Amino acid sequence: MSSPRLRQRIRQQRRSLTRAEADDCAEQLAHRTARHTLVLQSRRIATYLAADGEIDPYPLMQSLWESGKTLYLPVLVPFSNQKLWFAEFNPTDELVFNRFGIPEPVRRRLIKPCALDLVLTPLVAFDSSGHRIGMGGGYYDRSFAFLRRRRHWHKPRLFGLAYELQKQTAIEPNDWDIPLDAIATEARVYQTRR
């Protein structure tokens, strides 16, 4: 199945979950992920605010704030050549919608992607080898392309968050795709070999 058709099918499947089902999955994912080694060893963690039926990371975010982690959200900036920067985010921060309708913090202390320890990554589809299909804009792949050139220092680690229904048997990666280190769903955590 082509990436556009797969994107369309999976996005429809995750949007068809009831609110109760989605909330239950988000709680299970938070419980499973908060104690993962990649999370425990990280201090500066990028996350996202759920949109378009994505699994909601907010229960996990609450746990991370309680354990003293500093959280960041991706932001679009005009000087970035379609790469993401990240702004510190706290639960009381005011948000504004960017040009894609995604909320971003108004108050911005921006950091580059290389300053993060861990990135909780949204996705549309994934396989157990760490390949992902995103929304198609390429922002995450462009922003973390520098990881392909690194041989010894591998931070930030990329940790996908998804529903189990988004898992595919195999995804054929493109040359520019950046594989994930792990993927968490409500059912389990997939550790990859990146």
Protein backbone atom coordinates (compact mmCIF):
# COMPACT_ATOMS: atom_id res chain seq x y z
CA MET A 1 0.00 0.00 0.00
CA SER A 2 1.32 3.46 -0.86
CA SER A 3 2.25 5.88 1.93
CA PRO A 4 -0.59 8.35 1.12
CA ARG A 5 -3.20 5.55 1.17
CA LEU A 6 -1.75 4.06 4.35
CA ARG A 7 -1.71 7.50 5.99
CA GLN A 8 -5.35 8.03 5.09
CA ARG A 9 -6.45 4.61 6.36
CA ILE A 10 -4.59 4.78 9.68
CA ARG A 11 -5.60 8.37 10.39
CA GLN A 12 -9.23 7.34 9.90
CA GLN A 13 -8.79 4.30 12.20
CA ARG A 14 -7.30 6.31 15.04
CA ARG A 15 -9.94 9.05 14.69
CA SER A 16 -12.65 6.38 14.96
CA LEU A 17 -11.63 5.41 18.51
CA THR A 18 -14.11 6.55 21.15
CA ARG A 19 -12.96 9.17 23.66
CA ALA A 20 -12.99 6.51 26.40
CA GLU A 21 -10.87 4.12 24.30
CA ALA A 22 -8.38 6.86 23.42
CA ASP A 23 -8.10 8.00 27.06
CA ASP A 24 -7.57 4.43 28.27
CA CYS A 25 -4.83 3.87 25.66
CA ALA A 26 -3.12 7.13 26.64
CA GLU A 27 -3.10 6.11 30.32
CA GLN A 28 -1.70 2.66 29.51
CA LEU A 29 0.99 4.19 27.29
CA ALA A 30 1.95 6.65 30.06
CA HIS A 31 2.21 3.87 32.63
CA ARG A 32 4.34 1.73 30.31
CA THR A 33 6.59 4.55 29.08
CA ALA A 34 7.34 6.62 32.22
CA ARG A 35 9.61 3.87 33.59
CA HIS A 36 11.45 3.11 30.36
CA THR A 37 15.24 3.51 30.50
CA LEU A 38 15.32 6.11 27.71
CA VAL A 39 12.85 8.26 29.66
CA LEU A 40 14.50 7.78 33.05
CA GLN A 41 17.92 8.76 31.65
CA SER A 42 16.64 11.93 29.96
CA ARG A 43 16.25 15.41 31.39
CA ARG A 44 15.26 17.58 28.38
CA ILE A 45 12.37 15.84 26.63
CA ALA A 46 10.48 17.07 23.57
CA THR A 47 6.88 16.00 23.21
CA TYR A 48 3.81 17.12 21.26
CA LEU A 49 0.16 17.97 21.79
CA ALA A 50 -2.14 15.42 20.18
CA ALA A 51 -3.98 16.37 16.99
CA ASP A 52 -5.85 14.46 14.29
CA GLY A 53 -6.46 11.40 16.47
CA GLU A 54 -2.83 10.98 17.61
CA ILE A 55 -2.36 9.14 20.89
CA ASP A 56 -2.41 11.75 23.64
CA PRO A 57 0.93 12.11 25.44
CA TYR A 58 -0.55 14.38 28.15
CA PRO A 59 -0.88 11.69 30.87
CA LEU A 60 2.78 10.84 30.25
CA MET A 61 3.70 14.53 30.27
CA GLN A 62 2.10 14.94 33.72
CA SER A 63 4.21 12.08 35.03
CA LEU A 64 7.34 13.60 33.50
CA TRP A 65 6.68 17.03 35.06
CA GLU A 66 6.16 15.34 38.44
CA SER A 67 9.53 13.62 38.13
CA GLY A 68 11.33 16.92 37.40
CA LYS A 69 11.81 16.61 33.63
CA THR A 70 11.85 19.74 31.44
CA LEU A 71 9.44 19.40 28.51
CA TYR A 72 9.55 21.11 25.13
CA LEU A 73 7.13 21.44 22.24
CA PRO A 74 8.09 21.74 18.56
CA VAL A 75 7.72 25.20 17.04
CA LEU A 76 7.95 26.52 13.51
CA VAL A 77 10.25 29.49 13.09
CA PRO A 78 10.77 31.47 9.87
CA PHE A 79 14.57 31.18 9.89
CA SER A 80 14.68 27.39 10.27
CA ASN A 81 14.44 26.17 6.64
CA GLN A 82 11.50 23.87 7.48
CA LYS A 83 13.21 22.41 10.54
CA LEU A 84 11.75 22.34 14.02
CA TRP A 85 13.06 24.20 17.02
CA PHE A 86 11.74 23.47 20.50
CA ALA A 87 10.22 25.73 23.17
CA GLU A 88 10.06 24.90 26.86
CA PHE A 89 6.51 24.06 27.90
CA ASN A 90 4.79 24.03 31.28
CA PRO A 91 1.14 23.15 31.98
CA THR A 92 0.12 26.78 32.61
CA ASP A 93 1.78 28.22 29.48
CA GLU A 94 -0.35 30.11 26.99
CA LEU A 95 -0.53 28.57 23.52
CA VAL A 96 -1.11 30.00 20.05
CA PHE A 97 -1.90 28.11 16.84
CA ASN A 98 0.74 27.96 14.12
CA ARG A 99 -0.03 27.99 10.38
CA PHE A 100 -0.95 24.28 10.47
CA GLY A 101 -3.36 24.76 13.38
CA ILE A 102 -0.98 23.12 15.88
CA PRO A 103 -0.64 24.82 19.29
CA GLU A 104 2.74 26.26 20.24
CA PRO A 105 3.88 28.11 23.38
CA VAL A 106 3.59 31.90 23.13
CA ARG A 107 6.55 32.49 25.44
CA ARG A 108 9.51 31.00 23.63
CA ARG A 109 12.88 30.05 24.98
CA LEU A 110 13.98 28.12 21.94
CA ILE A 111 16.55 25.35 21.78
CA LYS A 112 17.89 23.41 18.82
CA PRO A 113 17.03 19.73 18.32
CA CYS A 114 20.59 18.71 19.21
CA ALA A 115 20.15 20.11 22.75
CA LEU A 116 17.45 17.55 23.60
CA ASP A 117 17.96 14.21 25.32
CA LEU A 118 14.79 12.51 24.09
CA VAL A 119 12.06 13.26 21.55
CA LEU A 120 8.60 11.75 21.97
CA THR A 121 7.60 11.59 18.34
CA PRO A 122 4.11 11.49 16.84
CA LEU A 123 3.61 9.22 13.85
CA VAL A 124 1.00 7.76 11.55
CA ALA A 125 2.44 4.25 11.09
CA PHE A 126 5.48 2.31 12.33
CA ASP A 127 7.12 -1.09 12.21
CA SER A 128 9.08 -2.92 14.89
CA SER A 129 12.38 -2.01 13.20
CA GLY A 130 11.85 1.67 14.04
CA HIS A 131 10.70 2.93 10.65
CA ARG A 132 7.89 5.45 10.74
CA ILE A 133 5.54 7.24 8.43
CA GLY A 134 4.70 10.73 9.61
CA MET A 135 2.18 13.25 8.33
CA GLY A 136 4.23 13.79 5.16
CA GLY A 137 5.80 17.21 5.81
CA GLY A 138 9.25 15.83 6.65
CA TYR A 139 9.79 18.20 9.58
CA TYR A 140 11.07 15.53 12.00
CA ASP A 141 13.33 13.90 9.41
CA ARG A 142 14.87 17.26 8.40
CA SER A 143 15.22 18.38 12.02
CA PHE A 144 17.04 15.22 13.13
CA ALA A 145 18.99 14.47 9.94
CA PHE A 146 22.21 15.25 11.84
CA LEU A 147 21.75 11.94 13.71
CA ARG A 148 22.67 10.06 10.52
CA ARG A 149 26.16 11.58 10.61
CA ARG A 150 26.85 10.88 14.28
CA ARG A 151 28.91 7.82 15.14
CA HIS A 152 29.39 8.11 18.92
CA TRP A 153 26.99 10.68 20.37
CA HIS A 154 23.45 9.55 19.58
CA LYS A 155 21.31 12.07 21.44
CA PRO A 156 18.60 12.91 21.20
CA ARG A 157 16.99 9.51 21.17
CA LEU A 158 13.76 9.29 19.17
CA PHE A 159 10.86 7.54 20.90
CA GLY A 160 7.68 7.14 18.85
CA LEU A 161 4.24 7.16 20.50
CA ALA A 162 1.32 5.42 18.80
CA TYR A 163 -1.68 3.16 19.12
CA GLU A 164 -1.02 -0.54 18.55
CA LEU A 165 -3.39 -0.34 15.55
CA GLN A 166 -0.79 1.83 13.79
CA LYS A 167 1.80 -0.99 13.69
CA GLN A 168 2.65 -2.40 10.26
CA THR A 169 4.53 -5.57 9.38
CA ALA A 170 7.20 -3.58 7.51
CA ILE A 171 7.65 -0.05 6.23
CA GLU A 172 10.04 0.59 3.37
CA PRO A 173 12.15 3.55 4.51
CA ASN A 174 13.17 6.43 2.29
CA ASP A 175 16.82 7.53 2.15
CA TRP A 176 16.05 10.60 4.27
CA ASP A 177 14.05 8.79 7.00
CA ILE A 178 15.48 8.84 10.52
CA PRO A 179 14.65 5.59 12.37
CA LEU A 180 13.27 5.55 15.90
CA ASP A 181 15.08 4.10 18.92
CA ALA A 182 11.85 2.80 20.43
CA ILE A 183 8.08 2.97 19.94
CA ALA A 184 5.56 2.79 22.76
CA THR A 185 1.92 1.83 22.36
CA GLU A 186 -0.78 1.05 24.89
CA ALA A 187 0.19 -2.64 24.56
CA ARG A 188 4.00 -2.66 24.69
CA VAL A 189 7.31 -0.94 23.97
CA TYR A 190 9.20 -1.92 20.82
CA GLN A 191 12.96 -1.53 21.24
CA THR A 192 14.77 -1.13 17.91
CA ARG A 193 18.41 -1.57 16.90
CA ARG A 194 19.22 1.97 15.76
